[in-house]
Amino acid sequence: MQTKKPLHLDIFKRIKKGRLMYTVAVKRDFVAQHFLVGGDWGRENQKHSHHYQLELQLEGDKLDRHGFLVDIMDIETNLERQVEYFRDQTLNELPEFEGLNPSIEHFSRIVCQALAHRIRASNIRFLSVRLWENEIAWAAFRMEL
Protein backbone atom coordinates (compact mmCIF):
# COMPACT_ATOMS: atom_id res chain seq x y z
CA MET A 1 0.00 0.00 0.00
CA GLN A 2 1.46 3.34 -1.06
CA THR A 3 1.36 6.17 1.45
CA LYS A 4 0.42 9.58 0.19
CA LYS A 5 2.71 12.50 1.06
CA PRO A 6 1.05 15.44 2.77
CA LEU A 7 0.44 18.29 0.33
CA HIS A 8 2.43 20.78 2.40
CA LEU A 9 5.61 18.69 1.93
CA ASP A 10 5.27 18.81 -1.86
CA ILE A 11 4.74 22.57 -1.73
CA PHE A 12 7.77 22.95 0.57
CA LYS A 13 9.94 21.09 -1.97
CA ARG A 14 8.79 23.43 -4.75
CA ILE A 15 9.52 26.45 -2.56
CA LYS A 16 13.03 25.16 -1.90
CA LYS A 17 13.59 24.84 -5.66
CA GLY A 18 12.59 28.50 -6.08
CA ARG A 19 9.34 27.94 -7.93
CA LEU A 20 7.11 29.60 -5.33
CA MET A 21 7.73 32.87 -3.56
CA TYR A 22 6.17 35.15 -1.03
CA THR A 23 5.43 38.71 -2.08
CA VAL A 24 4.92 41.71 0.17
CA ALA A 25 4.00 45.10 -1.27
CA VAL A 26 3.53 48.62 0.05
CA LYS A 27 2.14 51.55 -1.91
CA ARG A 28 2.55 55.31 -1.52
CA ASP A 29 1.51 58.34 -3.54
CA PHE A 30 3.10 61.72 -4.08
CA VAL A 31 3.19 64.63 -6.49
CA ALA A 32 6.29 65.58 -8.47
CA GLN A 33 6.97 67.54 -11.63
CA HIS A 34 8.92 66.90 -14.80
CA PHE A 35 9.15 67.80 -18.44
CA LEU A 36 10.17 65.48 -21.24
CA VAL A 37 13.19 66.24 -23.40
CA GLY A 38 14.66 64.97 -26.66
CA GLY A 39 11.49 64.84 -28.73
CA ASP A 40 8.29 66.61 -29.60
CA TRP A 41 5.69 65.41 -27.09
CA GLY A 42 3.53 68.51 -27.10
CA ARG A 43 2.44 69.59 -23.64
CA GLU A 44 4.65 66.90 -22.07
CA ASN A 45 7.65 69.06 -23.07
CA GLN A 46 6.41 71.73 -20.64
CA LYS A 47 6.90 71.43 -16.89
CA HIS A 48 3.86 69.71 -15.39
CA SER A 49 2.87 67.68 -12.33
CA HIS A 50 1.93 64.05 -11.92
CA HIS A 51 0.19 62.44 -8.99
CA TYR A 52 2.44 59.38 -8.88
CA GLN A 53 1.58 56.12 -7.17
CA LEU A 54 4.55 53.96 -6.28
CA GLU A 55 4.28 50.31 -5.32
CA LEU A 56 7.27 48.48 -3.91
CA GLN A 57 7.15 44.67 -4.09
CA LEU A 58 9.59 42.36 -2.34
CA GLU A 59 9.80 38.65 -3.17
CA GLY A 60 11.52 35.78 -1.46
CA ASP A 61 11.14 32.07 -0.84
CA LYS A 62 11.83 32.09 2.91
CA LEU A 63 10.26 33.84 5.86
CA ASP A 64 12.26 35.03 8.85
CA ARG A 65 11.93 33.55 12.35
CA HIS A 66 8.88 35.78 12.97
CA GLY A 67 7.05 34.58 9.86
CA PHE A 68 7.79 37.75 7.87
CA LEU A 69 9.41 38.16 4.51
CA VAL A 70 10.45 41.63 5.69
CA ASP A 71 9.18 43.66 8.61
CA ILE A 72 6.41 45.78 7.08
CA MET A 73 7.45 48.73 9.27
CA ASP A 74 10.93 48.60 7.73
CA ILE A 75 9.41 48.63 4.26
CA GLU A 76 7.10 51.54 5.11
CA THR A 77 9.88 53.60 6.72
CA ASN A 78 12.27 53.18 3.79
CA LEU A 79 9.59 53.72 1.17
CA GLU A 80 8.38 56.88 2.91
CA ARG A 81 11.93 58.27 3.05
CA GLN A 82 12.33 57.62 -0.68
CA VAL A 83 8.98 59.19 -1.52
CA GLU A 84 9.79 62.26 0.58
CA TYR A 85 12.96 62.77 -1.45
CA PHE A 86 10.94 63.05 -4.68
CA ARG A 87 7.80 64.73 -3.30
CA ASP A 88 7.19 68.19 -4.85
CA GLN A 89 10.50 68.08 -6.75
CA THR A 90 11.14 68.68 -10.43
CA LEU A 91 12.72 65.40 -11.52
CA ASN A 92 14.78 67.05 -14.27
CA GLU A 93 16.66 69.02 -11.60
CA LEU A 94 17.70 65.99 -9.52
CA PRO A 95 21.16 64.43 -9.97
CA GLU A 96 19.66 60.97 -10.60
CA PHE A 97 18.11 62.25 -13.82
CA GLU A 98 21.14 64.12 -15.16
CA GLY A 99 21.38 63.40 -18.89
CA LEU A 100 18.16 61.36 -18.84
CA ASN A 101 14.66 61.95 -20.07
CA PRO A 102 12.63 61.72 -16.83
CA SER A 103 10.32 59.00 -18.14
CA ILE A 104 8.44 56.69 -15.80
CA GLU A 105 10.69 53.88 -17.05
CA HIS A 106 13.83 55.66 -15.85
CA PHE A 107 12.03 56.81 -12.71
CA SER A 108 10.96 53.26 -11.76
CA ARG A 109 14.55 51.99 -12.20
CA ILE A 110 16.04 54.84 -10.16
CA VAL A 111 13.60 54.26 -7.29
CA CYS A 112 14.06 50.48 -7.41
CA GLN A 113 17.86 50.71 -7.23
CA ALA A 114 17.71 53.26 -4.41
CA LEU A 115 15.34 51.07 -2.37
CA ALA A 116 17.50 48.00 -2.98
CA HIS A 117 20.28 49.82 -1.11
CA ARG A 118 17.97 50.81 1.75
CA ILE A 119 16.09 47.59 2.49
CA ARG A 120 18.31 44.85 3.81
CA ALA A 121 16.98 41.35 4.38
CA SER A 122 18.86 38.20 3.47
CA ASN A 123 15.74 36.37 2.29
CA ILE A 124 14.69 38.90 -0.38
CA ARG A 125 15.41 37.57 -3.88
CA PHE A 126 13.66 40.18 -6.01
CA LEU A 127 12.68 43.79 -5.56
CA SER A 128 10.41 45.61 -7.97
CA VAL A 129 8.86 49.03 -8.27
CA ARG A 130 5.72 49.82 -10.21
CA LEU A 131 5.17 53.52 -10.78
CA TRP A 132 1.94 55.02 -12.12
CA GLU A 133 2.01 58.57 -13.48
CA ASN A 134 -1.78 58.61 -13.79
CA GLU A 135 -4.68 56.17 -13.53
CA ILE A 136 -3.85 54.39 -16.82
CA ALA A 137 -0.08 54.55 -17.38
CA TRP A 138 2.64 52.81 -15.39
CA ALA A 139 6.13 51.38 -15.76
CA ALA A 140 7.99 48.87 -13.63
CA PHE A 141 11.53 47.81 -12.90
CA ARG A 142 12.44 44.50 -11.25
CA MET A 143 15.85 43.45 -10.06
CA GLU A 144 17.32 40.31 -8.57
CA LEU A 145 19.25 40.81 -5.36
C-alpha atoms as a PDB file:
ATOM      1  CA  MET A   1       0.000   0.000   0.000  1.00  0.00           C
ATOM      2  CA  GLN A   2       1.458   3.338  -1.056  1.00  0.00           C
ATOM      3  CA  THR A   3       1.359   6.165   1.447  1.00  0.00           C
ATOM      4  CA  LYS A   4       0.425   9.575   0.186  1.00  0.00           C
ATOM      5  CA  LYS A   5       2.709  12.504   1.062  1.00  0.00           C
ATOM      6  CA  PRO A   6       1.053  15.438   2.767  1.00  0.00           C
ATOM      7  CA  LEU A   7       0.437  18.287   0.329  1.00  0.00           C
ATOM      8  CA  HIS A   8       2.429  20.776   2.399  1.00  0.00           C
ATOM      9  CA  LEU A   9       5.615  18.691   1.933  1.00  0.00           C
ATOM     10  CA  ASP A  10       5.267  18.812  -1.860  1.00  0.00           C
ATOM     11  CA  ILE A  11       4.739  22.569  -1.727  1.00  0.00           C
ATOM     12  CA  PHE A  12       7.767  22.947   0.565  1.00  0.00           C
ATOM     13  CA  LYS A  13       9.939  21.090  -1.973  1.00  0.00           C
ATOM     14  CA  ARG A  14       8.788  23.427  -4.752  1.00  0.00           C
ATOM     15  CA  ILE A  15       9.524  26.448  -2.557  1.00  0.00           C
ATOM     16  CA  LYS A  16      13.031  25.162  -1.900  1.00  0.00           C
ATOM     17  CA  LYS A  17      13.587  24.842  -5.656  1.00  0.00           C
ATOM     18  CA  GLY A  18      12.592  28.498  -6.078  1.00  0.00           C
ATOM     19  CA  ARG A  19       9.341  27.943  -7.927  1.00  0.00           C
ATOM     20  CA  LEU A  20       7.108  29.597  -5.333  1.00  0.00           C
ATOM     21  CA  MET A  21       7.734  32.865  -3.557  1.00  0.00           C
ATOM     22  CA  TYR A  22       6.173  35.148  -1.026  1.00  0.00           C
ATOM     23  CA  THR A  23       5.426  38.710  -2.085  1.00  0.00           C
ATOM     24  CA  VAL A  24       4.924  41.710   0.174  1.00  0.00           C
ATOM     25  CA  ALA A  25       3.997  45.102  -1.273  1.00  0.00           C
ATOM     26  CA  VAL A  26       3.534  48.623   0.047  1.00  0.00           C
ATOM     27  CA  LYS A  27       2.136  51.549  -1.909  1.00  0.00           C
ATOM     28  CA  ARG A  28       2.552  55.312  -1.521  1.00  0.00           C
ATOM     29  CA  ASP A  29       1.505  58.335  -3.537  1.00  0.00           C
ATOM     30  CA  PHE A  30       3.096  61.724  -4.077  1.00  0.00           C
ATOM     31  CA  VAL A  31       3.193  64.629  -6.490  1.00  0.00           C
ATOM     32  CA  ALA A  32       6.292  65.578  -8.474  1.00  0.00           C
ATOM     33  CA  GLN A  33       6.968  67.542 -11.631  1.00  0.00           C
ATOM     34  CA  HIS A  34       8.923  66.897 -14.795  1.00  0.00           C
ATOM     35  CA  PHE A  35       9.151  67.804 -18.442  1.00  0.00           C
ATOM     36  CA  LEU A  36      10.173  65.479 -21.244  1.00  0.00           C
ATOM     37  CA  VAL A  37      13.193  66.241 -23.404  1.00  0.00           C
ATOM     38  CA  GLY A  38      14.659  64.969 -26.659  1.00  0.00           C
ATOM     39  CA  GLY A  39      11.492  64.840 -28.732  1.00  0.00           C
ATOM     40  CA  ASP A  40       8.293  66.614 -29.595  1.00  0.00           C
ATOM     41  CA  TRP A  41       5.694  65.410 -27.088  1.00  0.00           C
ATOM     42  CA  GLY A  42       3.526  68.512 -27.105  1.00  0.00           C
ATOM     43  CA  ARG A  43       2.444  69.589 -23.641  1.00  0.00           C
ATOM     44  CA  GLU A  44       4.647  66.903 -22.071  1.00  0.00           C
ATOM     45  CA  ASN A  45       7.651  69.062 -23.072  1.00  0.00           C
ATOM     46  CA  GLN A  46       6.413  71.727 -20.644  1.00  0.00           C
ATOM     47  CA  LYS A  47       6.899  71.430 -16.886  1.00  0.00           C
ATOM     48  CA  HIS A  48       3.862  69.711 -15.387  1.00  0.00           C
ATOM     49  CA  SER A  49       2.868  67.679 -12.328  1.00  0.00           C
ATOM     50  CA  HIS A  50       1.925  64.054 -11.918  1.00  0.00           C
ATOM     51  CA  HIS A  51       0.194  62.436  -8.987  1.00  0.00           C
ATOM     52  CA  TYR A  52       2.442  59.376  -8.877  1.00  0.00           C
ATOM     53  CA  GLN A  53       1.581  56.118  -7.170  1.00  0.00           C
ATOM     54  CA  LEU A  54       4.552  53.963  -6.279  1.00  0.00           C
ATOM     55  CA  GLU A  55       4.277  50.307  -5.321  1.00  0.00           C
ATOM     56  CA  LEU A  56       7.270  48.477  -3.908  1.00  0.00           C
ATOM     57  CA  GLN A  57       7.150  44.667  -4.089  1.00  0.00           C
ATOM     58  CA  LEU A  58       9.589  42.357  -2.337  1.00  0.00           C
ATOM     59  CA  GLU A  59       9.798  38.655  -3.169  1.00  0.00           C
ATOM     60  CA  GLY A  60      11.522  35.780  -1.461  1.00  0.00           C
ATOM     61  CA  ASP A  61      11.137  32.070  -0.842  1.00  0.00           C
ATOM     62  CA  LYS A  62      11.834  32.087   2.914  1.00  0.00           C
ATOM     63  CA  LEU A  63      10.259  33.840   5.862  1.00  0.00           C
ATOM     64  CA  ASP A  64      12.257  35.031   8.852  1.00  0.00           C
ATOM     65  CA  ARG A  65      11.926  33.552  12.345  1.00  0.00           C
ATOM     66  CA  HIS A  66       8.876  35.779  12.969  1.00  0.00           C
ATOM     67  CA  GLY A  67       7.047  34.584   9.861  1.00  0.00           C
ATOM     68  CA  PHE A  68       7.789  37.754   7.870  1.00  0.00           C
ATOM     69  CA  LEU A  69       9.415  38.158   4.506  1.00  0.00           C
ATOM     70  CA  VAL A  70      10.446  41.625   5.690  1.00  0.00           C
ATOM     71  CA  ASP A  71       9.178  43.658   8.615  1.00  0.00           C
ATOM     72  CA  ILE A  72       6.412  45.783   7.078  1.00  0.00           C
ATOM     73  CA  MET A  73       7.449  48.732   9.267  1.00  0.00           C
ATOM     74  CA  ASP A  74      10.934  48.603   7.730  1.00  0.00           C
ATOM     75  CA  ILE A  75       9.410  48.632   4.262  1.00  0.00           C
ATOM     76  CA  GLU A  76       7.099  51.537   5.105  1.00  0.00           C
ATOM     77  CA  THR A  77       9.878  53.596   6.715  1.00  0.00           C
ATOM     78  CA  ASN A  78      12.269  53.178   3.786  1.00  0.00           C
ATOM     79  CA  LEU A  79       9.590  53.717   1.175  1.00  0.00           C
ATOM     80  CA  GLU A  80       8.376  56.879   2.913  1.00  0.00           C
ATOM     81  CA  ARG A  81      11.933  58.268   3.049  1.00  0.00           C
ATOM     82  CA  GLN A  82      12.328  57.620  -0.681  1.00  0.00           C
ATOM     83  CA  VAL A  83       8.976  59.190  -1.524  1.00  0.00           C
ATOM     84  CA  GLU A  84       9.791  62.260   0.584  1.00  0.00           C
ATOM     85  CA  TYR A  85      12.958  62.768  -1.453  1.00  0.00           C
ATOM     86  CA  PHE A  86      10.939  63.050  -4.684  1.00  0.00           C
ATOM     87  CA  ARG A  87       7.804  64.725  -3.303  1.00  0.00           C
ATOM     88  CA  ASP A  88       7.188  68.193  -4.846  1.00  0.00           C
ATOM     89  CA  GLN A  89      10.497  68.085  -6.747  1.00  0.00           C
ATOM     90  CA  THR A  90      11.135  68.680 -10.430  1.00  0.00           C
ATOM     91  CA  LEU A  91      12.719  65.403 -11.524  1.00  0.00           C
ATOM     92  CA  ASN A  92      14.778  67.051 -14.274  1.00  0.00           C
ATOM     93  CA  GLU A  93      16.662  69.017 -11.596  1.00  0.00           C
ATOM     94  CA  LEU A  94      17.699  65.990  -9.515  1.00  0.00           C
ATOM     95  CA  PRO A  95      21.161  64.431  -9.975  1.00  0.00           C
ATOM     96  CA  GLU A  96      19.663  60.969 -10.597  1.00  0.00           C
ATOM     97  CA  PHE A  97      18.106  62.254 -13.821  1.00  0.00           C
ATOM     98  CA  GLU A  98      21.141  64.117 -15.157  1.00  0.00           C
ATOM     99  CA  GLY A  99      21.379  63.403 -18.887  1.00  0.00           C
ATOM    100  CA  LEU A 100      18.156  61.358 -18.844  1.00  0.00           C
ATOM    101  CA  ASN A 101      14.662  61.954 -20.074  1.00  0.00           C
ATOM    102  CA  PRO A 102      12.628  61.721 -16.830  1.00  0.00           C
ATOM    103  CA  SER A 103      10.317  58.998 -18.138  1.00  0.00           C
ATOM    104  CA  ILE A 104       8.440  56.692 -15.799  1.00  0.00           C
ATOM    105  CA  GLU A 105      10.686  53.876 -17.052  1.00  0.00           C
ATOM    106  CA  HIS A 106      13.832  55.663 -15.848  1.00  0.00           C
ATOM    107  CA  PHE A 107      12.035  56.810 -12.710  1.00  0.00           C
ATOM    108  CA  SER A 108      10.957  53.264 -11.762  1.00  0.00           C
ATOM    109  CA  ARG A 109      14.552  51.990 -12.202  1.00  0.00           C
ATOM    110  CA  ILE A 110      16.037  54.844 -10.157  1.00  0.00           C
ATOM    111  CA  VAL A 111      13.601  54.259  -7.294  1.00  0.00           C
ATOM    112  CA  CYS A 112      14.058  50.478  -7.413  1.00  0.00           C
ATOM    113  CA  GLN A 113      17.857  50.706  -7.232  1.00  0.00           C
ATOM    114  CA  ALA A 114      17.707  53.255  -4.407  1.00  0.00           C
ATOM    115  CA  LEU A 115      15.342  51.075  -2.367  1.00  0.00           C
ATOM    116  CA  ALA A 116      17.504  47.999  -2.977  1.00  0.00           C
ATOM    117  CA  HIS A 117      20.284  49.823  -1.105  1.00  0.00           C
ATOM    118  CA  ARG A 118      17.973  50.811   1.750  1.00  0.00           C
ATOM    119  CA  ILE A 119      16.085  47.593   2.494  1.00  0.00           C
ATOM    120  CA  ARG A 120      18.312  44.846   3.810  1.00  0.00           C
ATOM    121  CA  ALA A 121      16.979  41.349   4.381  1.00  0.00           C
ATOM    122  CA  SER A 122      18.859  38.200   3.468  1.00  0.00           C
ATOM    123  CA  ASN A 123      15.738  36.366   2.290  1.00  0.00           C
ATOM    124  CA  ILE A 124      14.689  38.898  -0.381  1.00  0.00           C
ATOM    125  CA  ARG A 125      15.409  37.574  -3.880  1.00  0.00           C
ATOM    126  CA  PHE A 126      13.664  40.183  -6.011  1.00  0.00           C
ATOM    127  CA  LEU A 127      12.683  43.791  -5.560  1.00  0.00           C
ATOM    128  CA  SER A 128      10.405  45.610  -7.967  1.00  0.00           C
ATOM    129  CA  VAL A 129       8.861  49.035  -8.275  1.00  0.00           C
ATOM    130  CA  ARG A 130       5.715  49.815 -10.206  1.00  0.00           C
ATOM    131  CA  LEU A 131       5.175  53.517 -10.780  1.00  0.00           C
ATOM    132  CA  TRP A 132       1.944  55.022 -12.115  1.00  0.00           C
ATOM    133  CA  GLU A 133       2.013  58.568 -13.477  1.00  0.00           C
ATOM    134  CA  ASN A 134      -1.779  58.609 -13.792  1.00  0.00           C
ATOM    135  CA  GLU A 135      -4.682  56.170 -13.528  1.00  0.00           C
ATOM    136  CA  ILE A 136      -3.851  54.391 -16.823  1.00  0.00           C
ATOM    137  CA  ALA A 137      -0.080  54.546 -17.376  1.00  0.00           C
ATOM    138  CA  TRP A 138       2.641  52.806 -15.387  1.00  0.00           C
ATOM    139  CA  ALA A 139       6.129  51.383 -15.758  1.00  0.00           C
ATOM    140  CA  ALA A 140       7.986  48.868 -13.626  1.00  0.00           C
ATOM    141  CA  PHE A 141      11.530  47.811 -12.898  1.00  0.00           C
ATOM    142  CA  ARG A 142      12.443  44.498 -11.248  1.00  0.00           C
ATOM    143  CA  MET A 143      15.853  43.447 -10.055  1.00  0.00           C
ATOM    144  CA  GLU A 144      17.325  40.311  -8.569  1.00  0.00           C
ATOM    145  CA  LEU A 145      19.246  40.809  -5.356  1.00  0.00           C
END
